[in-house]
């Protein structure tokens, strides 16, 4: 489906319209050399799980464009216990990541101190099994220092893991991130 048509009979207003589903793309037509944001919601990336979505949904990380305010990002509550907050994200298609962008736009006193990303090529499993497994996935992006209201680009720091299907985005210890982008090339491997 590419379009939705709404007819109001005989007249009136419409406050909201939500259409649910997963975006589809003709991946066979995409070049294997093209850099694609493989976790973008518009390409079919989605959040599998997140341990904390107190002030903002983790799915906001995958939205197009830059965040318009703090409410348009993923923000967790302040941690009082040891550990860090995380979100597990499924890529739209298996791919090899070349560069990563982390955007803390609008988060000034509540941005995470650091972030890291773990990744794996996963077939099958449940949400709960992914949560457990993700703690042991190899690092795609080692811990990186973050700052307030800034876009961070990482290329040299990205580890060569080959094709992946899922990531675990760790924010240390907690805080807010506006957007996350994983630019990569499609893999020959199919999930």
Protein backbone atom coordinates (compact mmCIF):
# COMPACT_ATOMS: atom_id res chain seq x y z
CA UNK A 1 0.00 0.00 0.00
CA UNK A 2 1.34 3.46 -0.88
CA UNK A 3 -1.66 5.71 -0.22
CA UNK A 4 -4.63 5.98 2.14
CA UNK A 5 -7.80 7.83 1.19
CA UNK A 6 -10.25 9.08 3.82
CA UNK A 7 -13.80 10.04 2.86
CA UNK A 8 -16.02 11.91 5.33
CA UNK A 9 -19.77 11.62 4.64
CA UNK A 10 -21.53 13.97 4.39
CA UNK A 11 -19.00 16.37 5.95
CA UNK A 12 -17.32 17.11 9.26
CA UNK A 13 -13.86 17.04 10.74
CA UNK A 14 -11.19 14.54 11.55
CA UNK A 15 -8.96 15.09 14.59
CA UNK A 16 -6.47 12.23 14.11
CA UNK A 17 -5.76 9.40 11.74
CA UNK A 18 -3.31 6.65 12.55
CA UNK A 19 -2.35 3.93 10.10
CA UNK A 20 -0.39 1.06 11.64
CA UNK A 21 1.96 -1.33 9.90
CA UNK A 22 5.55 -1.89 8.89
CA UNK A 23 7.11 0.05 6.01
CA UNK A 24 8.06 -2.08 3.03
CA UNK A 25 10.82 -1.36 0.54
CA UNK A 26 11.87 -3.14 -2.63
CA UNK A 27 15.32 -4.00 -1.32
CA UNK A 28 16.23 -5.87 -4.53
CA UNK A 29 16.27 -2.51 -6.35
CA UNK A 30 18.65 -0.90 -3.86
CA UNK A 31 22.33 -0.84 -4.70
CA UNK A 32 24.63 -2.85 -2.42
CA UNK A 33 27.04 0.12 -2.52
CA UNK A 34 24.46 2.66 -1.29
CA UNK A 35 24.73 3.86 2.33
CA UNK A 36 21.29 3.46 3.92
CA UNK A 37 20.07 4.34 7.43
CA UNK A 38 19.27 0.73 8.31
CA UNK A 39 17.41 1.51 11.55
CA UNK A 40 15.30 4.40 10.24
CA UNK A 41 11.62 3.85 10.95
CA UNK A 42 10.81 4.88 7.37
CA UNK A 43 12.97 1.98 6.12
CA UNK A 44 11.43 -0.57 8.49
CA UNK A 45 13.68 -0.42 11.56
CA UNK A 46 11.86 -0.87 14.88
CA UNK A 47 12.44 -1.02 18.63
CA UNK A 48 12.21 -4.55 20.02
CA UNK A 49 12.55 -3.60 23.70
CA UNK A 50 13.80 -0.88 26.04
CA UNK A 51 14.35 -1.06 29.77
CA UNK A 52 13.10 2.49 30.49
CA UNK A 53 10.85 4.86 28.53
CA UNK A 54 9.80 7.13 31.39
CA UNK A 55 9.90 10.51 29.60
CA UNK A 56 10.04 9.50 25.93
CA UNK A 57 9.64 6.44 23.72
CA UNK A 58 12.74 4.70 22.37
CA UNK A 59 11.00 4.54 18.97
CA UNK A 60 11.53 8.31 18.71
CA UNK A 61 15.22 7.55 18.06
CA UNK A 62 14.26 6.16 14.64
CA UNK A 63 12.07 9.05 13.45
CA UNK A 64 13.06 11.10 10.38
CA UNK A 65 14.74 14.49 10.71
CA UNK A 66 16.07 16.05 13.89
CA UNK A 67 14.02 16.17 17.07
CA UNK A 68 11.86 19.27 17.53
CA UNK A 69 12.12 19.27 21.35
CA UNK A 70 13.03 17.00 24.28
CA UNK A 71 9.68 15.22 24.07
CA UNK A 72 10.60 14.11 20.55
CA UNK A 73 13.47 11.90 21.74
CA UNK A 74 14.09 8.93 24.04
CA UNK A 75 14.57 9.94 27.65
CA UNK A 76 14.86 7.68 30.68
CA UNK A 77 14.35 8.46 34.34
CA UNK A 78 17.34 9.08 36.59
CA UNK A 79 18.93 5.77 37.70
CA UNK A 80 19.30 5.19 41.43
CA UNK A 81 20.68 1.68 41.01
CA UNK A 82 23.88 0.45 39.29
CA UNK A 83 23.84 -0.23 35.56
CA UNK A 84 22.73 1.65 32.48
CA UNK A 85 19.69 2.08 30.25
CA UNK A 86 19.37 0.39 26.86
CA UNK A 87 17.17 -0.16 23.82
CA UNK A 88 17.27 -3.12 21.43
CA UNK A 89 16.58 -2.17 17.82
CA UNK A 90 15.99 -4.40 14.79
CA UNK A 91 17.47 -3.23 11.50
CA UNK A 92 15.17 -2.98 8.49
CA UNK A 93 17.46 -5.42 6.62
CA UNK A 94 20.73 -7.18 7.47
CA UNK A 95 23.65 -4.88 6.78
CA UNK A 96 27.24 -3.94 7.47
CA UNK A 97 27.50 -0.66 9.37
CA UNK A 98 29.93 2.01 8.14
CA UNK A 99 29.00 5.04 10.24
CA UNK A 100 26.86 5.96 13.23
CA UNK A 101 25.24 9.22 14.30
CA UNK A 102 24.06 9.96 17.85
CA UNK A 103 22.13 13.22 18.28
CA UNK A 104 21.50 14.74 21.73
CA UNK A 105 19.56 17.73 20.33
CA UNK A 106 17.60 19.63 23.03
CA UNK A 107 19.04 17.52 25.87
CA UNK A 108 21.15 19.99 27.85
CA UNK A 109 21.21 18.95 31.50
CA UNK A 110 19.89 15.46 30.96
CA UNK A 111 22.02 13.92 28.20
CA UNK A 112 23.84 10.60 28.85
CA UNK A 113 27.48 10.82 29.88
CA UNK A 114 28.46 8.08 27.42
CA UNK A 115 26.99 5.63 24.94
CA UNK A 116 27.98 2.34 23.31
CA UNK A 117 26.40 -0.03 20.81
CA UNK A 118 26.51 -3.81 20.76
CA UNK A 119 25.35 -5.78 17.72
CA UNK A 120 24.67 -9.27 16.38
CA UNK A 121 23.23 -11.23 13.49
CA UNK A 122 20.15 -12.88 15.01
CA UNK A 123 17.66 -15.30 13.50
CA UNK A 124 14.60 -16.29 15.50
CA UNK A 125 14.15 -15.97 19.24
CA UNK A 126 11.71 -14.15 21.46
CA UNK A 127 11.84 -10.62 22.81
CA UNK A 128 12.93 -11.97 26.20
CA UNK A 129 15.69 -14.14 24.70
CA UNK A 130 16.99 -11.14 22.70
CA UNK A 131 17.13 -9.05 25.87
CA UNK A 132 19.19 -11.70 27.63
CA UNK A 133 21.47 -12.43 24.65
CA UNK A 134 22.12 -8.74 23.92
CA UNK A 135 24.17 -8.33 27.09
CA UNK A 136 26.82 -10.57 25.50
CA UNK A 137 26.84 -9.23 21.92
CA UNK A 138 30.15 -7.82 20.63
CA UNK A 139 30.70 -4.07 20.53
CA UNK A 140 29.92 -2.27 17.29
CA UNK A 141 30.74 1.10 18.87
CA UNK A 142 32.90 1.16 22.02
CA UNK A 143 31.95 3.65 24.77
CA UNK A 144 31.98 7.23 23.50
CA UNK A 145 31.73 10.44 25.51
CA UNK A 146 28.64 12.56 24.75
CA UNK A 147 27.80 16.23 25.29
CA UNK A 148 24.68 18.36 25.40
CA UNK A 149 22.64 19.37 22.34
CA UNK A 150 25.06 18.02 19.71
CA UNK A 151 25.26 15.64 16.73
CA UNK A 152 28.07 13.08 17.02
CA UNK A 153 29.38 11.20 13.98
CA UNK A 154 31.41 8.02 14.37
CA UNK A 155 33.19 6.25 11.49
CA UNK A 156 36.70 5.28 12.57
CA UNK A 157 35.36 4.03 15.92
CA UNK A 158 32.87 1.61 14.27
CA UNK A 159 34.08 -1.99 14.62
CA UNK A 160 33.90 -4.30 11.59
CA UNK A 161 31.49 -7.04 12.69
CA UNK A 162 30.16 -8.03 9.26
CA UNK A 163 26.42 -8.34 8.71
CA UNK A 164 24.13 -7.58 11.67
CA UNK A 165 20.36 -7.61 12.22
CA UNK A 166 19.99 -6.12 15.73
CA UNK A 167 21.71 -3.61 17.99
CA UNK A 168 21.66 -2.80 21.68
CA UNK A 169 22.04 0.96 22.17
CA UNK A 170 23.44 1.59 25.67
CA UNK A 171 23.23 5.02 27.30
CA UNK A 172 25.41 5.33 30.37
CA UNK A 173 24.05 5.73 32.95
CA UNK A 174 20.74 7.31 31.77
CA UNK A 175 19.40 10.42 30.06
CA UNK A 176 18.00 11.56 26.74
CA UNK A 177 18.96 11.10 23.09
CA UNK A 178 17.06 12.66 20.22
CA UNK A 179 18.04 10.49 17.24
CA UNK A 180 20.19 7.49 16.34
CA UNK A 181 21.32 6.67 12.80
CA UNK A 182 23.17 3.57 11.59
CA UNK A 183 24.42 4.04 8.04
CA UNK A 184 25.41 0.85 6.30
CA UNK A 185 25.33 -1.28 3.18
CA UNK A 186 22.90 -4.11 2.57
CA UNK A 187 24.28 -7.58 3.18
CA UNK A 188 23.93 -10.59 0.89
CA UNK A 189 22.92 -12.55 4.00
CA UNK A 190 19.17 -12.75 4.59
CA UNK A 191 17.61 -12.77 8.06
